[in-house]
C-alpha atoms as a PDB file:
ATOM      1  CA  UNK A   1     -17.231  84.460  48.457  1.00  0.00           C
ATOM      2  CA  UNK A   2     -16.819  83.728  52.185  1.00  0.00           C
ATOM      3  CA  UNK A   3     -15.333  80.291  51.509  1.00  0.00           C
ATOM      4  CA  UNK A   4     -12.880  81.765  49.021  1.00  0.00           C
ATOM      5  CA  UNK A   5     -11.633  84.222  51.671  1.00  0.00           C
ATOM      6  CA  UNK A   6     -11.485  81.390  54.213  1.00  0.00           C
ATOM      7  CA  UNK A   7      -9.244  79.331  51.919  1.00  0.00           C
ATOM      8  CA  UNK A   8      -6.993  82.310  51.234  1.00  0.00           C
ATOM      9  CA  UNK A   9      -6.817  83.073  54.960  1.00  0.00           C
ATOM     10  CA  UNK A  10      -5.927  79.464  55.775  1.00  0.00           C
ATOM     11  CA  UNK A  11      -3.156  79.474  53.167  1.00  0.00           C
ATOM     12  CA  UNK A  12      -1.652  82.631  54.666  1.00  0.00           C
ATOM     13  CA  UNK A  13      -2.204  82.320  58.431  1.00  0.00           C
ATOM     14  CA  UNK A  14      -3.506  78.829  59.079  1.00  0.00           C
ATOM     15  CA  UNK A  15      -6.685  78.180  61.109  1.00  0.00           C
ATOM     16  CA  UNK A  16      -6.794  81.692  62.545  1.00  0.00           C
ATOM     17  CA  UNK A  17      -6.507  83.156  59.068  1.00  0.00           C
ATOM     18  CA  UNK A  18      -9.282  80.887  57.823  1.00  0.00           C
ATOM     19  CA  UNK A  19     -11.653  82.111  60.548  1.00  0.00           C
ATOM     20  CA  UNK A  20     -10.769  85.747  59.869  1.00  0.00           C
ATOM     21  CA  UNK A  21     -11.182  85.211  56.107  1.00  0.00           C
ATOM     22  CA  UNK A  22     -14.567  83.595  56.675  1.00  0.00           C
ATOM     23  CA  UNK A  23     -15.752  86.614  58.674  1.00  0.00           C
ATOM     24  CA  UNK A  24     -14.461  89.134  56.107  1.00  0.00           C
ATOM     25  CA  UNK A  25     -15.930  87.139  53.225  1.00  0.00           C
ATOM     26  CA  UNK A  26     -19.318  86.930  54.950  1.00  0.00           C
ATOM     27  CA  UNK A  27     -19.409  90.700  55.451  1.00  0.00           C
ATOM     28  CA  UNK A  28     -18.381  91.433  51.856  1.00  0.00           C
ATOM     29  CA  UNK A  29     -20.842  88.846  50.519  1.00  0.00           C
ATOM     30  CA  UNK A  30     -23.669  90.549  52.390  1.00  0.00           C
ATOM     31  CA  UNK A  31     -22.601  93.980  51.102  1.00  0.00           C
ATOM     32  CA  UNK A  32     -22.279  92.854  47.473  1.00  0.00           C
ATOM     33  CA  UNK A  33     -25.525  90.868  47.568  1.00  0.00           C
ATOM     34  CA  UNK A  34     -27.459  93.863  48.862  1.00  0.00           C
ATOM     35  CA  UNK A  35     -25.800  96.133  46.324  1.00  0.00           C
ATOM     36  CA  UNK A  36     -26.573  93.800  43.427  1.00  0.00           C
ATOM     37  CA  UNK A  37     -30.243  93.616  44.435  1.00  0.00           C
ATOM     38  CA  UNK A  38     -30.501  97.389  44.518  1.00  0.00           C
ATOM     39  CA  UNK A  39     -28.893  97.696  41.056  1.00  0.00           C
ATOM     40  CA  UNK A  40     -31.264  95.190  39.497  1.00  0.00           C
ATOM     41  CA  UNK A  41     -30.401  92.965  36.548  1.00  0.00           C
ATOM     42  CA  UNK A  42     -27.052  92.923  34.797  1.00  0.00           C
ATOM     43  CA  UNK A  43     -24.964  92.891  37.974  1.00  0.00           C
ATOM     44  CA  UNK A  44     -21.617  91.139  38.385  1.00  0.00           C
ATOM     45  CA  UNK A  45     -23.253  88.051  39.880  1.00  0.00           C
ATOM     46  CA  UNK A  46     -25.454  87.566  36.811  1.00  0.00           C
ATOM     47  CA  UNK A  47     -22.380  86.227  35.015  1.00  0.00           C
ATOM     48  CA  UNK A  48     -22.331  83.207  37.305  1.00  0.00           C
ATOM     49  CA  UNK A  49     -26.047  82.605  37.894  1.00  0.00           C
ATOM     50  CA  UNK A  50     -27.998  81.475  34.839  1.00  0.00           C
ATOM     51  CA  UNK A  51     -31.297  80.887  36.673  1.00  0.00           C
ATOM     52  CA  UNK A  52     -34.129  83.410  36.103  1.00  0.00           C
ATOM     53  CA  UNK A  53     -34.294  85.979  38.925  1.00  0.00           C
ATOM     54  CA  UNK A  54     -37.752  87.310  38.115  1.00  0.00           C
ATOM     55  CA  UNK A  55     -40.500  86.657  35.634  1.00  0.00           C
ATOM     56  CA  UNK A  56     -41.417  88.493  32.454  1.00  0.00           C
ATOM     57  CA  UNK A  57     -45.047  89.039  31.518  1.00  0.00           C
ATOM     58  CA  UNK A  58     -46.230  87.345  28.299  1.00  0.00           C
ATOM     59  CA  UNK A  59     -46.954  90.706  26.671  1.00  0.00           C
ATOM     60  CA  UNK A  60     -43.489  92.071  27.504  1.00  0.00           C
ATOM     61  CA  UNK A  61     -41.818  88.891  26.259  1.00  0.00           C
ATOM     62  CA  UNK A  62     -43.760  88.962  22.977  1.00  0.00           C
ATOM     63  CA  UNK A  63     -43.065  92.659  22.363  1.00  0.00           C
ATOM     64  CA  UNK A  64     -39.349  92.287  23.063  1.00  0.00           C
ATOM     65  CA  UNK A  65     -39.156  89.148  20.930  1.00  0.00           C
ATOM     66  CA  UNK A  66     -40.828  91.034  18.072  1.00  0.00           C
ATOM     67  CA  UNK A  67     -38.331  93.881  18.510  1.00  0.00           C
ATOM     68  CA  UNK A  68     -35.388  91.474  18.224  1.00  0.00           C
ATOM     69  CA  UNK A  69     -37.070  89.933  15.184  1.00  0.00           C
ATOM     70  CA  UNK A  70     -37.196  93.339  13.487  1.00  0.00           C
ATOM     71  CA  UNK A  71     -33.430  93.741  13.939  1.00  0.00           C
ATOM     72  CA  UNK A  72     -32.829  90.453  12.108  1.00  0.00           C
ATOM     73  CA  UNK A  73     -35.315  91.291   9.344  1.00  0.00           C
ATOM     74  CA  UNK A  74     -33.586  94.631   8.665  1.00  0.00           C
ATOM     75  CA  UNK A  75     -30.044  93.274   9.104  1.00  0.00           C
ATOM     76  CA  UNK A  76     -29.207  92.897   5.407  1.00  0.00           C
ATOM     77  CA  UNK A  77     -30.658  96.264   4.410  1.00  0.00           C
ATOM     78  CA  UNK A  78     -33.841  94.929   2.862  1.00  0.00           C
ATOM     79  CA  UNK A  79     -37.146  93.756   4.291  1.00  0.00           C
ATOM     80  CA  UNK A  80     -37.929  90.236   3.086  1.00  0.00           C
ATOM     81  CA  UNK A  81     -41.630  89.439   2.798  1.00  0.00           C
ATOM     82  CA  UNK A  82     -40.931  85.763   3.531  1.00  0.00           C
ATOM     83  CA  UNK A  83     -39.204  86.709   6.774  1.00  0.00           C
ATOM     84  CA  UNK A  84     -42.072  88.972   7.816  1.00  0.00           C
ATOM     85  CA  UNK A  85     -44.579  86.248   6.940  1.00  0.00           C
ATOM     86  CA  UNK A  86     -42.623  83.765   9.062  1.00  0.00           C
ATOM     87  CA  UNK A  87     -42.701  86.070  12.087  1.00  0.00           C
ATOM     88  CA  UNK A  88     -46.443  86.702  11.729  1.00  0.00           C
ATOM     89  CA  UNK A  89     -47.166  82.981  11.314  1.00  0.00           C
ATOM     90  CA  UNK A  90     -45.015  82.188  14.349  1.00  0.00           C
ATOM     91  CA  UNK A  91     -46.788  84.720  16.560  1.00  0.00           C
ATOM     92  CA  UNK A  92     -50.254  83.667  15.398  1.00  0.00           C
ATOM     93  CA  UNK A  93     -49.470  79.990  15.986  1.00  0.00           C
ATOM     94  CA  UNK A  94     -47.897  80.745  19.363  1.00  0.00           C
ATOM     95  CA  UNK A  95     -50.366  83.214  20.827  1.00  0.00           C
ATOM     96  CA  UNK A  96     -53.476  83.222  18.638  1.00  0.00           C
ATOM     97  CA  UNK A  97     -54.496  85.751  16.000  1.00  0.00           C
ATOM     98  CA  UNK A  98     -56.089  88.295  18.340  1.00  0.00           C
ATOM     99  CA  UNK A  99     -53.177  88.396  20.777  1.00  0.00           C
ATOM    100  CA  UNK A 100     -50.622  88.428  17.959  1.00  0.00           C
ATOM    101  CA  UNK A 101     -52.402  91.339  16.264  1.00  0.00           C
ATOM    102  CA  UNK A 102     -52.425  93.255  19.549  1.00  0.00           C
ATOM    103  CA  UNK A 103     -48.657  92.755  19.848  1.00  0.00           C
ATOM    104  CA  UNK A 104     -48.091  93.943  16.272  1.00  0.00           C
ATOM    105  CA  UNK A 105     -50.279  97.017  16.879  1.00  0.00           C
ATOM    106  CA  UNK A 106     -48.345  97.949  20.008  1.00  0.00           C
ATOM    107  CA  UNK A 107     -45.058  97.451  18.162  1.00  0.00           C
ATOM    108  CA  UNK A 108     -46.184  99.613  15.227  1.00  0.00           C
ATOM    109  CA  UNK A 109     -47.622 102.368  17.433  1.00  0.00           C
ATOM    110  CA  UNK A 110     -45.018 102.518  20.189  1.00  0.00           C
ATOM    111  CA  UNK A 111     -41.766 100.754  19.296  1.00  0.00           C
ATOM    112  CA  UNK A 112     -41.312 100.746  15.520  1.00  0.00           C
ATOM    113  CA  UNK A 113     -40.299 104.393  15.184  1.00  0.00           C
ATOM    114  CA  UNK A 114     -37.892 104.337  18.110  1.00  0.00           C
ATOM    115  CA  UNK A 115     -34.312 103.124  18.111  1.00  0.00           C
ATOM    116  CA  UNK A 116     -34.375  99.428  18.987  1.00  0.00           C
ATOM    117  CA  UNK A 117     -31.416  98.483  21.148  1.00  0.00           C
ATOM    118  CA  UNK A 118     -30.453  94.808  21.322  1.00  0.00           C
ATOM    119  CA  UNK A 119     -28.301  95.605  24.342  1.00  0.00           C
ATOM    120  CA  UNK A 120     -31.195  97.153  26.287  1.00  0.00           C
ATOM    121  CA  UNK A 121     -33.698  94.455  25.327  1.00  0.00           C
ATOM    122  CA  UNK A 122     -31.332  91.633  26.236  1.00  0.00           C
ATOM    123  CA  UNK A 123     -30.379  93.291  29.513  1.00  0.00           C
ATOM    124  CA  UNK A 124     -34.075  93.180  30.397  1.00  0.00           C
ATOM    125  CA  UNK A 125     -34.730  89.621  29.171  1.00  0.00           C
ATOM    126  CA  UNK A 126     -31.493  87.943  30.270  1.00  0.00           C
ATOM    127  CA  UNK A 127     -32.160  87.696  34.026  1.00  0.00           C
ATOM    128  CA  UNK A 128     -35.807  86.795  33.403  1.00  0.00           C
ATOM    129  CA  UNK A 129     -35.337  83.883  30.983  1.00  0.00           C
ATOM    130  CA  UNK A 130     -33.760  80.509  31.617  1.00  0.00           C
ATOM    131  CA  UNK A 131     -30.725  79.597  29.525  1.00  0.00           C
ATOM    132  CA  UNK A 132     -32.814  77.058  27.580  1.00  0.00           C
ATOM    133  CA  UNK A 133     -35.334  79.754  26.609  1.00  0.00           C
ATOM    134  CA  UNK A 134     -32.523  82.064  25.499  1.00  0.00           C
ATOM    135  CA  UNK A 135     -31.243  79.266  23.258  1.00  0.00           C
ATOM    136  CA  UNK A 136     -34.743  78.950  21.805  1.00  0.00           C
ATOM    137  CA  UNK A 137     -34.828  82.710  21.117  1.00  0.00           C
ATOM    138  CA  UNK A 138     -31.631  82.355  19.052  1.00  0.00           C
ATOM    139  CA  UNK A 139     -33.054  79.362  17.188  1.00  0.00           C
ATOM    140  CA  UNK A 140     -36.170  81.417  16.377  1.00  0.00           C
ATOM    141  CA  UNK A 141     -34.051  84.324  15.091  1.00  0.00           C
ATOM    142  CA  UNK A 142     -32.056  82.002  12.825  1.00  0.00           C
ATOM    143  CA  UNK A 143     -35.332  80.609  11.513  1.00  0.00           C
ATOM    144  CA  UNK A 144     -36.353  84.161  10.566  1.00  0.00           C
ATOM    145  CA  UNK A 145     -33.058  84.728   8.746  1.00  0.00           C
ATOM    146  CA  UNK A 146     -33.490  81.414   6.942  1.00  0.00           C
ATOM    147  CA  UNK A 147     -37.108  82.078   5.887  1.00  0.00           C
ATOM    148  CA  UNK A 148     -35.884  83.262   2.464  1.00  0.00           C
ATOM    149  CA  UNK A 149     -33.604  80.200   2.220  1.00  0.00           C
ATOM    150  CA  UNK A 150     -30.453  82.263   2.773  1.00  0.00           C
ATOM    151  CA  UNK A 151     -28.807  83.385   5.995  1.00  0.00           C
ATOM    152  CA  UNK A 152     -26.606  86.373   5.179  1.00  0.00           C
ATOM    153  CA  UNK A 153     -23.410  87.357   6.962  1.00  0.00           C
ATOM    154  CA  UNK A 154     -25.074  90.545   8.239  1.00  0.00           C
ATOM    155  CA  UNK A 155     -27.924  88.511   9.730  1.00  0.00           C
ATOM    156  CA  UNK A 156     -25.435  86.180  11.412  1.00  0.00           C
ATOM    157  CA  UNK A 157     -23.632  89.185  12.882  1.00  0.00           C
ATOM    158  CA  UNK A 158     -26.861  90.664  14.283  1.00  0.00           C
ATOM    159  CA  UNK A 159     -27.835  87.324  15.857  1.00  0.00           C
ATOM    160  CA  UNK A 160     -24.297  86.863  17.212  1.00  0.00           C
ATOM    161  CA  UNK A 161     -24.541  90.290  18.825  1.00  0.00           C
ATOM    162  CA  UNK A 162     -27.876  89.348  20.413  1.00  0.00           C
ATOM    163  CA  UNK A 163     -26.385  86.045  21.619  1.00  0.00           C
ATOM    164  CA  UNK A 164     -23.527  87.901  23.296  1.00  0.00           C
ATOM    165  CA  UNK A 165     -25.944  90.282  25.030  1.00  0.00           C
ATOM    166  CA  UNK A 166     -28.012  87.277  26.170  1.00  0.00           C
ATOM    167  CA  UNK A 167     -24.774  85.688  27.431  1.00  0.00           C
ATOM    168  CA  UNK A 168     -25.196  82.585  25.337  1.00  0.00           C
ATOM    169  CA  UNK A 169     -21.898  80.705  25.086  1.00  0.00           C
ATOM    170  CA  UNK A 170     -19.899  80.810  21.847  1.00  0.00           C
ATOM    171  CA  UNK A 171     -20.111  77.032  21.356  1.00  0.00           C
ATOM    172  CA  UNK A 172     -23.885  77.052  21.862  1.00  0.00           C
ATOM    173  CA  UNK A 173     -24.192  79.864  19.331  1.00  0.00           C
ATOM    174  CA  UNK A 174     -22.065  77.987  16.793  1.00  0.00           C
ATOM    175  CA  UNK A 175     -24.061  74.808  17.443  1.00  0.00           C
ATOM    176  CA  UNK A 176     -27.378  76.510  16.654  1.00  0.00           C
ATOM    177  CA  UNK A 177     -25.903  78.326  13.648  1.00  0.00           C
ATOM    178  CA  UNK A 178     -24.601  75.026  12.235  1.00  0.00           C
ATOM    179  CA  UNK A 179     -28.171  73.681  12.208  1.00  0.00           C
ATOM    180  CA  UNK A 180     -28.942  76.068   9.334  1.00  0.00           C
ATOM    181  CA  UNK A 181     -25.995  75.253   7.084  1.00  0.00           C
ATOM    182  CA  UNK A 182     -24.972  72.158   5.165  1.00  0.00           C
ATOM    183  CA  UNK A 183     -21.302  71.181   5.360  1.00  0.00           C
ATOM    184  CA  UNK A 184     -19.221  68.126   6.126  1.00  0.00           C
ATOM    185  CA  UNK A 185     -18.131  69.383   9.541  1.00  0.00           C
ATOM    186  CA  UNK A 186     -21.418  70.838  10.778  1.00  0.00           C
ATOM    187  CA  UNK A 187     -22.435  67.613  12.520  1.00  0.00           C
ATOM    188  CA  UNK A 188     -19.416  68.066  14.786  1.00  0.00           C
ATOM    189  CA  UNK A 189     -20.194  71.764  15.319  1.00  0.00           C
ATOM    190  CA  UNK A 190     -23.754  70.903  16.349  1.00  0.00           C
ATOM    191  CA  UNK A 191     -22.379  68.497  18.975  1.00  0.00           C
ATOM    192  CA  UNK A 192     -19.805  71.158  19.983  1.00  0.00           C
ATOM    193  CA  UNK A 193     -16.774  68.929  19.381  1.00  0.00           C
ATOM    194  CA  UNK A 194     -13.819  68.807  17.002  1.00  0.00           C
ATOM    195  CA  UNK A 195     -13.673  66.350  14.125  1.00  0.00           C
ATOM    196  CA  UNK A 196     -10.658  64.795  15.823  1.00  0.00           C
ATOM    197  CA  UNK A 197     -12.754  63.805  18.874  1.00  0.00           C
ATOM    198  CA  UNK A 198     -12.610  60.149  19.902  1.00  0.00           C
ATOM    199  CA  UNK A 199     -15.631  57.872  19.595  1.00  0.00           C
ATOM    200  CA  UNK A 200     -16.097  58.055  23.360  1.00  0.00           C
ATOM    201  CA  UNK A 201     -16.036  61.874  23.225  1.00  0.00           C
ATOM    202  CA  UNK A 202     -18.616  61.822  20.416  1.00  0.00           C
ATOM    203  CA  UNK A 203     -20.978  59.673  22.484  1.00  0.00           C
ATOM    204  CA  UNK A 204     -20.477  61.868  25.552  1.00  0.00           C
ATOM    205  CA  UNK A 205     -21.106  65.033  23.511  1.00  0.00           C
ATOM    206  CA  UNK A 206     -24.314  63.572  22.105  1.00  0.00           C
ATOM    207  CA  UNK A 207     -25.623  62.775  25.600  1.00  0.00           C
ATOM    208  CA  UNK A 208     -24.739  66.283  26.787  1.00  0.00           C
ATOM    209  CA  UNK A 209     -26.380  68.032  23.833  1.00  0.00           C
ATOM    210  CA  UNK A 210     -29.457  65.804  23.898  1.00  0.00           C
ATOM    211  CA  UNK A 211     -29.930  66.733  27.538  1.00  0.00           C
ATOM    212  CA  UNK A 212     -29.392  70.453  26.840  1.00  0.00           C
ATOM    213  CA  UNK A 213     -31.880  70.596  23.963  1.00  0.00           C
ATOM    214  CA  UNK A 214     -34.449  68.128  25.267  1.00  0.00           C
ATOM    215  CA  UNK A 215     -37.986  69.493  24.652  1.00  0.00           C
ATOM    216  CA  UNK A 216     -38.905  68.854  28.297  1.00  0.00           C
ATOM    217  CA  UNK A 217     -36.752  71.885  29.149  1.00  0.00           C
ATOM    218  CA  UNK A 218     -39.437  74.099  27.571  1.00  0.00           C
ATOM    219  CA  UNK A 219     -42.569  72.392  28.839  1.00  0.00           C
ATOM    220  CA  UNK A 220     -43.663  75.679  30.435  1.00  0.00           C
ATOM    221  CA  UNK A 221     -43.507  77.522  27.082  1.00  0.00           C
ATOM    222  CA  UNK A 222     -46.115  77.720  24.311  1.00  0.00           C
ATOM    223  CA  UNK A 223     -46.532  74.876  21.825  1.00  0.00           C
ATOM    224  CA  UNK A 224     -44.580  76.614  19.064  1.00  0.00           C
ATOM    225  CA  UNK A 225     -41.587  77.152  21.367  1.00  0.00           C
ATOM    226  CA  UNK A 226     -41.730  73.467  22.289  1.00  0.00           C
ATOM    227  CA  UNK A 227     -41.781  72.664  18.576  1.00  0.00           C
ATOM    228  CA  UNK A 228     -38.632  74.739  18.153  1.00  0.00           C
ATOM    229  CA  UNK A 229     -36.995  72.791  20.972  1.00  0.00           C
ATOM    230  CA  UNK A 230     -37.963  69.566  19.221  1.00  0.00           C
ATOM    231  CA  UNK A 231     -36.359  70.855  16.011  1.00  0.00           C
ATOM    232  CA  UNK A 232     -33.059  71.483  17.808  1.00  0.00           C
ATOM    233  CA  UNK A 233     -33.261  68.099  19.510  1.00  0.00           C
ATOM    234  CA  UNK A 234     -33.853  66.425  16.130  1.00  0.00           C
ATOM    235  CA  UNK A 235     -30.859  68.235  14.621  1.00  0.00           C
ATOM    236  CA  UNK A 236     -28.675  66.895  17.435  1.00  0.00           C
ATOM    237  CA  UNK A 237     -29.926  63.365  16.774  1.00  0.00           C
ATOM    238  CA  UNK A 238     -29.333  63.734  13.031  1.00  0.00           C
ATOM    239  CA  UNK A 239     -25.806  65.049  13.636  1.00  0.00           C
ATOM    240  CA  UNK A 240     -24.997  62.090  15.877  1.00  0.00           C
ATOM    241  CA  UNK A 241     -26.440  59.612  13.378  1.00  0.00           C
ATOM    242  CA  UNK A 242     -24.378  61.193  10.593  1.00  0.00           C
ATOM    243  CA  UNK A 243     -21.178  60.809  12.608  1.00  0.00           C
ATOM    244  CA  UNK A 244     -22.143  57.246  13.556  1.00  0.00           C
ATOM    245  CA  UNK A 245     -22.580  56.376   9.898  1.00  0.00           C
ATOM    246  CA  UNK A 246     -19.354  58.107   8.940  1.00  0.00           C
ATOM    247  CA  UNK A 247     -17.361  56.246  11.603  1.00  0.00           C
ATOM    248  CA  UNK A 248     -19.249  52.965  11.461  1.00  0.00           C
ATOM    249  CA  UNK A 249     -20.210  53.177  15.142  1.00  0.00           C
END
């Protein structure tokens, strides 16, 4: 902020204005920084800083993830047994049977009968999870929706709403969504480019997406989350290979 005021000051009053702008910007920066800390997560500066500001305990993460899962399961007005089985299998594989059962008990006893707010949950998780982990959360939610071999429009809308609250970019959302549908243009959507992109742009997009979804980004997460990252990474590779074959690259 201080450098922005310095530039504005220089443009208006030259060197003297730059110095004055630097002083004003420094004071305002200190005021806003202190204010944002006192307000906690969800402040104005969160829009520009995607790094986690504090940690989330494993139990809190699991309970909130299960709450988001329940929103997807109920999205189309019916509870699919295959979707519920997928969630249980995922939690057992991720955290072990005993820990998973404890999470389900807490959810059933404390959370299930309350109104579950995606906005409130995401406001809590967003500043505590890296962007890569938030992408993995969306991938997990799409896997739930796809457990019955059909992702409905209502399920897409619920996951889109969660993505917006988690501040996941539109292109990243569309990229992950495209991994669960078969169409001629989905390879391009996965790489976040238009079909009209040049060969050079295709290669650049592949490098960018491979870096974004590389499993190493989630080395600190449980094995199942790393597996999910590998699935996304594989989808990116498959999309690139499909375009290569189509274009004869």
